Amino acid sequence: MKVANKSESTGTSPGARAGDAGPTEHSDERVMVIAPLGADASSIATLLNERGFQCCVCEQPEQVIDEIANAGALLMTEEALAFQSTSTLITVLQNQPPWSELPVVILTNSSSQKRDLLDATAKTAGNVTLLERPIRTETLVRTIQVALGSRRRQYQVRDLLAEQERNRKRLEESEGELLTLLSREQGLRQAADEANRLKDEFLATLSHELRNPLNVILGYSELLMRSEEVAQSPQLLRLSEALRRNALAQSYLIRDLLELSRLRSGKMTLNRETVSIVT
């Protein structure tokens, strides 16, 4: 496969209208040329290069097979259909990726003896344009411009599909990370709930164990305050009152701990009472 040398004359054809897709130098828009007779291939490549296209001259159809995904168009003469490897090339054209349909331009003769073969190739190869020789230069250039414009749109679809695939993979990765975080959060929540349950059980047990001796202290402090000996002694009475007052304060504190434990566990009950709003 030979890359044809580009002449100094580049740019769009004189007949191209403003806004038309012009020639390009991108490697994925090369025009692959197969013309086995005489100097047809070099003449076609020289002509297209003078109009700004990048051409590759292929001596055999199999040289195009590995380049189909990165080629802009395929230009061949009907004589190239006689190659045995052309059938392989057509099979490859039939099995392109979903986004790809390589434009194929075939130059035919008005008195062609291969009309049936041309028609069969046009049906099986997909995006095929038949141009009958002799052909005007501007017609050939315009046909190649249209073919490359179609190929560019196919590349846009390819890039869009690739971007969608990348987004799908990123979404799957994000979903996996999210599931991992949710699982970790659930584990931490369960651990926190278990820690709170153990703390509530500890507070309930501790409060119960503290309340029993406090009840004894409160009971004996009341007995002391009722005794005549304590009532007659201001000092003993003062000590007994201090003992009862501190025991009550400790009892209220234990009661608050129990209520907090019930509140956290959802077992707290409310008792209605009538109170005065006058302070």
C-alpha atoms as a PDB file:
ATOM      1  CA  MET A   1       0.000   0.000   0.000  1.00  0.00           C
ATOM      2  CA  LYS A   2       1.435   3.360  -1.059  1.00  0.00           C
ATOM      3  CA  VAL A   3       0.512   6.796   0.243  1.00  0.00           C
ATOM      4  CA  ALA A   4       0.303   9.088  -2.742  1.00  0.00           C
ATOM      5  CA  ASN A   5       2.396  12.265  -2.578  1.00  0.00           C
ATOM      6  CA  LYS A   6       0.306  15.396  -2.216  1.00  0.00           C
ATOM      7  CA  SER A   7       0.930  18.200  -4.645  1.00  0.00           C
ATOM      8  CA  GLU A   8       1.287  21.782  -3.553  1.00  0.00           C
ATOM      9  CA  SER A   9      -2.243  22.525  -4.656  1.00  0.00           C
ATOM     10  CA  THR A  10      -4.637  21.872  -1.789  1.00  0.00           C
ATOM     11  CA  GLY A  11      -8.075  23.004  -0.729  1.00  0.00           C
ATOM     12  CA  THR A  12     -11.630  22.477  -1.877  1.00  0.00           C
ATOM     13  CA  SER A  13     -12.635  22.060  -5.431  1.00  0.00           C
ATOM     14  CA  PRO A  14     -13.685  25.180  -7.332  1.00  0.00           C
ATOM     15  CA  GLY A  15     -17.178  23.747  -7.727  1.00  0.00           C
ATOM     16  CA  ALA A  16     -17.703  23.097  -4.025  1.00  0.00           C
ATOM     17  CA  ARG A  17     -20.351  25.350  -2.470  1.00  0.00           C
ATOM     18  CA  ALA A  18     -19.862  27.245   0.788  1.00  0.00           C
ATOM     19  CA  GLY A  19     -20.560  25.029   3.769  1.00  0.00           C
ATOM     20  CA  ASP A  20     -19.696  21.781   1.936  1.00  0.00           C
ATOM     21  CA  ALA A  21     -17.489  19.275   3.697  1.00  0.00           C
ATOM     22  CA  GLY A  22     -14.083  19.853   2.152  1.00  0.00           C
ATOM     23  CA  PRO A  23     -10.995  17.666   1.873  1.00  0.00           C
ATOM     24  CA  THR A  24      -9.119  16.688   4.971  1.00  0.00           C
ATOM     25  CA  GLU A  25      -5.707  15.516   6.036  1.00  0.00           C
ATOM     26  CA  HIS A  26      -6.916  13.350   8.923  1.00  0.00           C
ATOM     27  CA  SER A  27      -5.555   9.818   8.738  1.00  0.00           C
ATOM     28  CA  ASP A  28      -9.027   8.393   9.366  1.00  0.00           C
ATOM     29  CA  GLU A  29     -10.347  10.099   6.225  1.00  0.00           C
ATOM     30  CA  ARG A  30      -7.936   8.641   3.693  1.00  0.00           C
ATOM     31  CA  VAL A  31      -9.301   7.607   0.338  1.00  0.00           C
ATOM     32  CA  MET A  32      -8.184   4.051  -0.442  1.00  0.00           C
ATOM     33  CA  VAL A  33      -7.687   3.583  -4.200  1.00  0.00           C
ATOM     34  CA  ILE A  34      -7.708   0.199  -5.996  1.00  0.00           C
ATOM     35  CA  ALA A  35      -7.236   0.432  -9.768  1.00  0.00           C
ATOM     36  CA  PRO A  36      -5.193  -2.447 -11.194  1.00  0.00           C
ATOM     37  CA  LEU A  37      -5.008  -1.381 -14.851  1.00  0.00           C
ATOM     38  CA  GLY A  38      -2.112   0.761 -16.092  1.00  0.00           C
ATOM     39  CA  ALA A  39      -1.604   4.063 -14.351  1.00  0.00           C
ATOM     40  CA  ASP A  40      -5.232   4.464 -13.273  1.00  0.00           C
ATOM     41  CA  ALA A  41      -4.433   4.295  -9.567  1.00  0.00           C
ATOM     42  CA  SER A  42      -1.628   6.852  -9.642  1.00  0.00           C
ATOM     43  CA  SER A  43      -3.610   9.170 -11.915  1.00  0.00           C
ATOM     44  CA  ILE A  44      -6.656   9.071  -9.623  1.00  0.00           C
ATOM     45  CA  ALA A  45      -4.516   9.563  -6.510  1.00  0.00           C
ATOM     46  CA  THR A  46      -2.665  12.494  -8.085  1.00  0.00           C
ATOM     47  CA  LEU A  47      -5.926  14.123  -9.100  1.00  0.00           C
ATOM     48  CA  LEU A  48      -7.479  13.778  -5.657  1.00  0.00           C
ATOM     49  CA  ASN A  49      -4.324  14.903  -3.889  1.00  0.00           C
ATOM     50  CA  GLU A  50      -4.258  18.025  -6.024  1.00  0.00           C
ATOM     51  CA  ARG A  51      -7.748  18.731  -4.690  1.00  0.00           C
ATOM     52  CA  GLY A  52      -6.563  18.326  -1.083  1.00  0.00           C
ATOM     53  CA  PHE A  53      -7.551  14.731  -0.366  1.00  0.00           C
ATOM     54  CA  GLN A  54      -5.208  12.190   1.207  1.00  0.00           C
ATOM     55  CA  CYS A  55      -5.031   9.002  -0.838  1.00  0.00           C
ATOM     56  CA  CYS A  56      -3.520   5.547  -0.364  1.00  0.00           C
ATOM     57  CA  VAL A  57      -2.949   3.372  -3.428  1.00  0.00           C
ATOM     58  CA  CYS A  58      -3.566  -0.326  -2.729  1.00  0.00           C
ATOM     59  CA  GLU A  59      -2.343  -2.977  -5.143  1.00  0.00           C
ATOM     60  CA  GLN A  60      -4.622  -5.709  -3.759  1.00  0.00           C
ATOM     61  CA  PRO A  61      -8.080  -5.553  -2.058  1.00  0.00           C
ATOM     62  CA  GLU A  62      -6.792  -7.383   1.023  1.00  0.00           C
ATOM     63  CA  GLN A  63      -4.596  -4.370   1.786  1.00  0.00           C
ATOM     64  CA  VAL A  64      -7.774  -2.403   2.533  1.00  0.00           C
ATOM     65  CA  ILE A  65      -9.222  -4.927   4.989  1.00  0.00           C
ATOM     66  CA  ASP A  66      -7.094  -3.883   7.970  1.00  0.00           C
ATOM     67  CA  GLU A  67      -7.685  -0.188   7.205  1.00  0.00           C
ATOM     68  CA  ILE A  68     -11.476  -0.205   6.892  1.00  0.00           C
ATOM     69  CA  ALA A  69     -12.134   1.116  10.402  1.00  0.00           C
ATOM     70  CA  ASN A  70      -9.777   4.064   9.828  1.00  0.00           C
ATOM     71  CA  ALA A  71     -10.476   4.755   6.145  1.00  0.00           C
ATOM     72  CA  GLY A  72     -12.617   7.596   4.890  1.00  0.00           C
ATOM     73  CA  ALA A  73     -13.743   6.024   1.608  1.00  0.00           C
ATOM     74  CA  LEU A  74     -12.863   3.275  -0.866  1.00  0.00           C
ATOM     75  CA  LEU A  75     -12.480   4.173  -4.556  1.00  0.00           C
ATOM     76  CA  MET A  76     -12.044   1.276  -6.939  1.00  0.00           C
ATOM     77  CA  THR A  77     -12.445   0.513 -10.619  1.00  0.00           C
ATOM     78  CA  GLU A  78     -14.618  -2.351 -11.799  1.00  0.00           C
ATOM     79  CA  GLU A  79     -11.462  -4.201 -12.898  1.00  0.00           C
ATOM     80  CA  ALA A  80     -10.598  -4.659  -9.206  1.00  0.00           C
ATOM     81  CA  LEU A  81     -13.690  -6.863  -8.837  1.00  0.00           C
ATOM     82  CA  ALA A  82     -11.809  -9.562 -10.747  1.00  0.00           C
ATOM     83  CA  PHE A  83      -9.410 -10.104  -7.833  1.00  0.00           C
ATOM     84  CA  GLN A  84     -10.166 -13.259  -5.838  1.00  0.00           C
ATOM     85  CA  SER A  85      -9.605 -11.344  -2.605  1.00  0.00           C
ATOM     86  CA  THR A  86     -12.359  -8.877  -3.512  1.00  0.00           C
ATOM     87  CA  SER A  87     -14.968 -11.327  -2.252  1.00  0.00           C
ATOM     88  CA  THR A  88     -13.175 -11.360   1.110  1.00  0.00           C
ATOM     89  CA  LEU A  89     -13.184  -7.564   1.127  1.00  0.00           C
ATOM     90  CA  ILE A  90     -16.923  -7.493   0.417  1.00  0.00           C
ATOM     91  CA  THR A  91     -17.514  -9.963   3.273  1.00  0.00           C
ATOM     92  CA  VAL A  92     -15.576  -7.682   5.608  1.00  0.00           C
ATOM     93  CA  LEU A  93     -17.640  -4.712   4.421  1.00  0.00           C
ATOM     94  CA  GLN A  94     -20.797  -6.647   5.262  1.00  0.00           C
ATOM     95  CA  ASN A  95     -19.535  -7.326   8.798  1.00  0.00           C
ATOM     96  CA  GLN A  96     -18.480  -3.836   9.837  1.00  0.00           C
ATOM     97  CA  PRO A  97     -19.279  -2.554  13.333  1.00  0.00           C
ATOM     98  CA  PRO A  98     -22.829  -1.211  13.806  1.00  0.00           C
ATOM     99  CA  TRP A  99     -21.683   2.416  13.466  1.00  0.00           C
ATOM    100  CA  SER A 100     -19.616   1.830  10.298  1.00  0.00           C
ATOM    101  CA  GLU A 101     -20.664   1.698   6.656  1.00  0.00           C
ATOM    102  CA  LEU A 102     -17.562   2.589   4.635  1.00  0.00           C
ATOM    103  CA  PRO A 103     -18.525   4.550   1.502  1.00  0.00           C
ATOM    104  CA  VAL A 104     -17.466   2.664  -1.639  1.00  0.00           C
ATOM    105  CA  VAL A 105     -17.195   4.368  -5.031  1.00  0.00           C
ATOM    106  CA  ILE A 106     -16.830   2.088  -8.063  1.00  0.00           C
ATOM    107  CA  LEU A 107     -15.851   3.473 -11.457  1.00  0.00           C
ATOM    108  CA  THR A 108     -17.574   1.500 -14.220  1.00  0.00           C
ATOM    109  CA  ASN A 109     -17.598   1.477 -18.011  1.00  0.00           C
ATOM    110  CA  SER A 110     -20.666   2.222 -20.126  1.00  0.00           C
ATOM    111  CA  SER A 111     -20.121  -1.054 -21.988  1.00  0.00           C
ATOM    112  CA  SER A 112     -19.309  -3.068 -18.884  1.00  0.00           C
ATOM    113  CA  GLN A 113     -19.536  -6.833 -19.129  1.00  0.00           C
ATOM    114  CA  LYS A 114     -19.663  -7.100 -15.346  1.00  0.00           C
ATOM    115  CA  ARG A 115     -23.059  -5.494 -14.791  1.00  0.00           C
ATOM    116  CA  ASP A 116     -24.407  -8.437 -12.805  1.00  0.00           C
ATOM    117  CA  LEU A 117     -21.280  -8.490 -10.653  1.00  0.00           C
ATOM    118  CA  LEU A 118     -21.527  -4.740 -10.104  1.00  0.00           C
ATOM    119  CA  ASP A 119     -25.170  -4.979  -9.071  1.00  0.00           C
ATOM    120  CA  ALA A 120     -24.424  -7.858  -6.689  1.00  0.00           C
ATOM    121  CA  THR A 121     -21.501  -5.943  -5.176  1.00  0.00           C
ATOM    122  CA  ALA A 122     -23.641  -2.835  -4.726  1.00  0.00           C
ATOM    123  CA  LYS A 123     -26.289  -4.861  -2.882  1.00  0.00           C
ATOM    124  CA  THR A 124     -23.920  -6.756  -0.599  1.00  0.00           C
ATOM    125  CA  ALA A 125     -21.252  -4.130   0.148  1.00  0.00           C
ATOM    126  CA  GLY A 126     -23.739  -1.597   1.518  1.00  0.00           C
ATOM    127  CA  ASN A 127     -22.915   2.087   0.914  1.00  0.00           C
ATOM    128  CA  VAL A 128     -21.893   1.834  -2.769  1.00  0.00           C
ATOM    129  CA  THR A 129     -21.946   4.536  -5.464  1.00  0.00           C
ATOM    130  CA  LEU A 130     -21.483   3.593  -9.135  1.00  0.00           C
ATOM    131  CA  LEU A 131     -19.935   6.214 -11.440  1.00  0.00           C
ATOM    132  CA  GLU A 132     -19.858   5.548 -15.164  1.00  0.00           C
ATOM    133  CA  ARG A 133     -16.713   6.506 -17.077  1.00  0.00           C
ATOM    134  CA  PRO A 134     -15.794   8.806 -18.655  1.00  0.00           C
ATOM    135  CA  ILE A 135     -16.472  11.015 -15.658  1.00  0.00           C
ATOM    136  CA  ARG A 136     -15.908  14.707 -15.107  1.00  0.00           C
ATOM    137  CA  THR A 137     -13.311  15.649 -12.533  1.00  0.00           C
ATOM    138  CA  GLU A 138     -15.725  17.808 -10.564  1.00  0.00           C
ATOM    139  CA  THR A 139     -18.234  14.969 -10.401  1.00  0.00           C
ATOM    140  CA  LEU A 140     -15.605  12.635  -8.954  1.00  0.00           C
ATOM    141  CA  VAL A 141     -14.409  15.246  -6.452  1.00  0.00           C
ATOM    142  CA  ARG A 142     -17.960  16.027  -5.383  1.00  0.00           C
ATOM    143  CA  THR A 143     -18.713  12.319  -4.928  1.00  0.00           C
ATOM    144  CA  ILE A 144     -15.639  11.888  -2.713  1.00  0.00           C
ATOM    145  CA  GLN A 145     -16.634  14.954  -0.673  1.00  0.00           C
ATOM    146  CA  VAL A 146     -20.089  13.507  -0.068  1.00  0.00           C
ATOM    147  CA  ALA A 147     -18.599  10.115   0.847  1.00  0.00           C
ATOM    148  CA  LEU A 148     -16.208  11.663   3.372  1.00  0.00           C
ATOM    149  CA  GLY A 149     -19.031  13.756   4.844  1.00  0.00           C
ATOM    150  CA  SER A 150     -21.024  10.579   5.370  1.00  0.00           C
ATOM    151  CA  ARG A 151     -17.973   8.945   6.945  1.00  0.00           C
ATOM    152  CA  ARG A 152     -17.507  11.860   9.343  1.00  0.00           C
ATOM    153  CA  ARG A 153     -21.072  11.411  10.585  1.00  0.00           C
ATOM    154  CA  GLN A 154     -20.319   7.724  11.128  1.00  0.00           C
ATOM    155  CA  TYR A 155     -17.270   8.691  13.179  1.00  0.00           C
ATOM    156  CA  GLN A 156     -19.491  10.958  15.266  1.00  0.00           C
ATOM    157  CA  VAL A 157     -21.793   8.020  15.953  1.00  0.00           C
ATOM    158  CA  ARG A 158     -18.749   5.889  16.825  1.00  0.00           C
ATOM    159  CA  ASP A 159     -17.476   8.505  19.275  1.00  0.00           C
ATOM    160  CA  LEU A 160     -20.956   8.875  20.779  1.00  0.00           C
ATOM    161  CA  LEU A 161     -21.248   5.118  21.293  1.00  0.00           C
ATOM    162  CA  ALA A 162     -17.772   5.039  22.844  1.00  0.00           C
ATOM    163  CA  GLU A 163     -18.713   7.892  25.178  1.00  0.00           C
ATOM    164  CA  GLN A 164     -21.915   6.101  26.152  1.00  0.00           C
ATOM    165  CA  GLU A 165     -19.924   2.964  26.921  1.00  0.00           C
ATOM    166  CA  ARG A 166     -17.476   4.951  29.055  1.00  0.00           C
ATOM    167  CA  ASN A 167     -20.381   6.588  30.899  1.00  0.00           C
ATOM    168  CA  ARG A 168     -21.978   3.188  31.444  1.00  0.00           C
ATOM    169  CA  LYS A 169     -18.761   1.822  32.952  1.00  0.00           C
ATOM    170  CA  ARG A 170     -18.357   4.891  35.155  1.00  0.00           C
ATOM    171  CA  LEU A 171     -21.984   4.504  36.266  1.00  0.00           C
ATOM    172  CA  GLU A 172     -21.399   0.854  37.115  1.00  0.00           C
ATOM    173  CA  GLU A 173     -18.286   1.802  39.085  1.00  0.00           C
ATOM    174  CA  SER A 174     -20.203   4.550  40.892  1.00  0.00           C
ATOM    175  CA  GLU A 175     -23.033   2.147  41.690  1.00  0.00           C
ATOM    176  CA  GLY A 176     -20.505  -0.346  43.059  1.00  0.00           C
ATOM    177  CA  GLU A 177     -18.906   2.348  45.233  1.00  0.00           C
ATOM    178  CA  LEU A 178     -22.362   3.483  46.393  1.00  0.00           C
ATOM    179  CA  LEU A 179     -23.330  -0.062  47.348  1.00  0.00           C
ATOM    180  CA  THR A 180     -20.053  -0.420  49.246  1.00  0.00           C
ATOM    181  CA  LEU A 181     -20.679   2.842  51.117  1.00  0.00           C
ATOM    182  CA  LEU A 182     -24.267   1.852  51.886  1.00  0.00           C
ATOM    183  CA  SER A 183     -23.125  -1.519  53.191  1.00  0.00           C
ATOM    184  CA  ARG A 184     -20.473   0.153  55.332  1.00  0.00           C
ATOM    185  CA  GLU A 185     -22.988   2.714  56.611  1.00  0.00           C
ATOM    186  CA  GLN A 186     -25.445  -0.050  57.461  1.00  0.00           C
ATOM    187  CA  GLY A 187     -22.753  -1.904  59.364  1.00  0.00           C
ATOM    188  CA  LEU A 188     -21.788   1.243  61.295  1.00  0.00           C
ATOM    189  CA  ARG A 189     -25.442   1.956  62.044  1.00  0.00           C
ATOM    190  CA  GLN A 190     -25.959  -1.564  63.370  1.00  0.00           C
ATOM    191  CA  ALA A 191     -22.828  -1.236  65.505  1.00  0.00           C
ATOM    192  CA  ALA A 192     -24.042   2.118  66.861  1.00  0.00           C
ATOM    193  CA  ASP A 193     -27.488   0.695  67.621  1.00  0.00           C
ATOM    194  CA  GLU A 194     -25.917  -2.233  69.433  1.00  0.00           C
ATOM    195  CA  ALA A 195     -23.683   0.121  71.426  1.00  0.00           C
ATOM    196  CA  ASN A 196     -26.700   2.249  72.388  1.00  0.00           C
ATOM    197  CA  ARG A 197     -28.647  -0.843  73.407  1.00  0.00           C
ATOM    198  CA  LEU A 198     -25.812  -2.045  75.630  1.00  0.00           C
ATOM    199  CA  LYS A 199     -25.488   1.443  77.140  1.00  0.00           C
ATOM    200  CA  ASP A 200     -29.214   1.588  77.903  1.00  0.00           C
ATOM    201  CA  GLU A 201     -29.082  -1.830  79.486  1.00  0.00           C
ATOM    202  CA  PHE A 202     -26.113  -0.722  81.584  1.00  0.00           C
ATOM    203  CA  LEU A 203     -27.905   2.452  82.702  1.00  0.00           C
ATOM    204  CA  ALA A 204     -31.043   0.507  83.602  1.00  0.00           C
ATOM    205  CA  THR A 205     -29.059  -2.043  85.588  1.00  0.00           C
ATOM    206  CA  LEU A 206     -26.942   0.628  87.280  1.00  0.00           C
ATOM    207  CA  SER A 207     -30.004   2.709  88.162  1.00  0.00           C
ATOM    208  CA  HIS A 208     -31.731  -0.311  89.623  1.00  0.00           C
ATOM    209  CA  GLU A 209     -28.695  -1.269  91.682  1.00  0.00           C
ATOM    210  CA  LEU A 210     -28.313   2.283  93.001  1.00  0.00           C
ATOM    211  CA  ARG A 211     -31.985   2.781  93.790  1.00  0.00           C
ATOM    212  CA  ASN A 212     -32.170  -0.128  96.239  1.00  0.00           C
ATOM    213  CA  PRO A 213     -29.569   1.196  98.720  1.00  0.00           C
ATOM    214  CA  LEU A 214     -30.926   4.739  98.304  1.00  0.00           C
ATOM    215  CA  ASN A 215     -34.400   3.580  99.298  1.00  0.00           C
ATOM    216  CA  VAL A 216     -32.891   2.128 102.471  1.00  0.00           C
ATOM    217  CA  ILE A 217     -31.046   5.388 103.172  1.00  0.00           C
ATOM    218  CA  LEU A 218     -34.226   7.405 102.625  1.00  0.00           C
ATOM    219  CA  GLY A 219     -36.222   5.106 104.848  1.00  0.00           C
ATOM    220  CA  TYR A 220     -33.791   5.262 107.759  1.00  0.00           C
ATOM    221  CA  SER A 221     -33.356   9.042 107.378  1.00  0.00           C
ATOM    222  CA  GLU A 222     -37.113   9.474 107.819  1.00  0.00           C
ATOM    223  CA  LEU A 223     -37.061   7.219 110.907  1.00  0.00           C
ATOM    224  CA  LEU A 224     -34.239   9.269 112.366  1.00  0.00           C
ATOM    225  CA  MET A 225     -36.135  12.506 111.839  1.00  0.00           C
ATOM    226  CA  ARG A 226     -39.204  11.068 113.612  1.00  0.00           C
ATOM    227  CA  SER A 227     -37.290   9.924 116.668  1.00  0.00           C
ATOM    228  CA  GLU A 228     -37.576  12.102 119.810  1.00  0.00           C
ATOM    229  CA  GLU A 229     -33.842  12.054 120.411  1.00  0.00           C
ATOM    230  CA  VAL A 230     -33.110  13.567 116.986  1.00  0.00           C
ATOM    231  CA  ALA A 231     -36.000  16.004 117.241  1.00  0.00           C
ATOM    232  CA  GLN A 232     -34.628  17.322 120.523  1.00  0.00           C
ATOM    233  CA  SER A 233     -31.117  17.773 119.125  1.00  0.00           C
ATOM    234  CA  PRO A 234     -30.775  20.546 116.524  1.00  0.00           C
ATOM    235  CA  GLN A 235     -27.455  19.158 115.316  1.00  0.00           C
ATOM    236  CA  LEU A 236     -28.775  15.629 114.803  1.00  0.00           C
ATOM    237  CA  LEU A 237     -31.891  17.013 113.137  1.00  0.00           C
ATOM    238  CA  ARG A 238     -29.759  19.089 110.781  1.00  0.00           C
ATOM    239  CA  LEU A 239     -27.620  16.056 109.902  1.00  0.00           C
ATOM    240  CA  SER A 240     -30.682  13.863 109.331  1.00  0.00           C
ATOM    241  CA  GLU A 241     -32.249  16.465 107.023  1.00  0.00           C
ATOM    242  CA  ALA A 242     -28.997  16.777 105.058  1.00  0.00           C
ATOM    243  CA  LEU A 243     -28.841  13.006 104.706  1.00  0.00           C
ATOM    244  CA  ARG A 244     -32.413  12.803 103.437  1.00  0.00           C
ATOM    245  CA  ARG A 245     -32.005  15.803 101.119  1.00  0.00           C
ATOM    246  CA  ASN A 246     -28.931  14.386  99.390  1.00  0.00           C
ATOM    247  CA  ALA A 247     -30.486  10.925  99.173  1.00  0.00           C
ATOM    248  CA  LEU A 248     -33.535  12.465  97.434  1.00  0.00           C
ATOM    249  CA  ALA A 249     -31.271  14.368  95.041  1.00  0.00           C
ATOM    250  CA  GLN A 250     -29.482  11.148  94.167  1.00  0.00           C
ATOM    251  CA  SER A 251     -32.840   9.419  93.696  1.00  0.00           C
ATOM    252  CA  TYR A 252     -33.997  12.137  91.266  1.00  0.00           C
ATOM    253  CA  LEU A 253     -30.763  11.792  89.317  1.00  0.00           C
ATOM    254  CA  ILE A 254     -31.259   8.033  89.010  1.00  0.00           C
ATOM    255  CA  ARG A 255     -34.868   8.612  87.942  1.00  0.00           C
ATOM    256  CA  ASP A 256     -33.661  10.978  85.184  1.00  0.00           C
ATOM    257  CA  LEU A 257     -31.186   8.359  83.979  1.00  0.00           C
ATOM    258  CA  LEU A 258     -33.952   5.782  83.785  1.00  0.00           C
ATOM    259  CA  GLU A 259     -36.217   8.181  81.877  1.00  0.00           C
ATOM    260  CA  LEU A 260     -33.413   8.962  79.419  1.00  0.00           C
ATOM    261  CA  SER A 261     -32.890   5.244  78.883  1.00  0.00           C
ATOM    262  CA  ARG A 262     -36.621   4.731  78.281  1.00  0.00           C
ATOM    263  CA  LEU A 263     -36.685   7.718  75.904  1.00  0.00           C
ATOM    264  CA  ARG A 264     -33.848   6.330  73.770  1.00  0.00           C
ATOM    265  CA  SER A 265     -35.462   2.890  73.660  1.00  0.00           C
ATOM    266  CA  GLY A 266     -38.928   4.272  72.891  1.00  0.00           C
ATOM    267  CA  LYS A 267     -40.445   2.964  76.134  1.00  0.00           C
ATOM    268  CA  MET A 268     -41.012   6.258  77.909  1.00  0.00           C
ATOM    269  CA  THR A 269     -44.515   6.905  79.272  1.00  0.00           C
ATOM    270  CA  LEU A 270     -45.988  10.336  79.997  1.00  0.00           C
ATOM    271  CA  ASN A 271     -48.023  11.028  83.116  1.00  0.00           C
ATOM    272  CA  ARG A 272     -50.470  13.907  83.060  1.00  0.00           C
ATOM    273  CA  GLU A 273     -50.496  16.248  86.066  1.00  0.00           C
ATOM    274  CA  THR A 274     -52.208  19.500  86.874  1.00  0.00           C
ATOM    275  CA  VAL A 275     -49.701  22.225  87.740  1.00  0.00           C
ATOM    276  CA  SER A 276     -49.970  25.892  88.586  1.00  0.00           C
ATOM    277  CA  ILE A 277     -48.517  28.297  86.014  1.00  0.00           C
ATOM    278  CA  VAL A 278     -48.018  30.930  88.700  1.00  0.00           C
ATOM    279  CA  THR A 279     -44.387  31.112  89.740  1.00  0.00           C
END
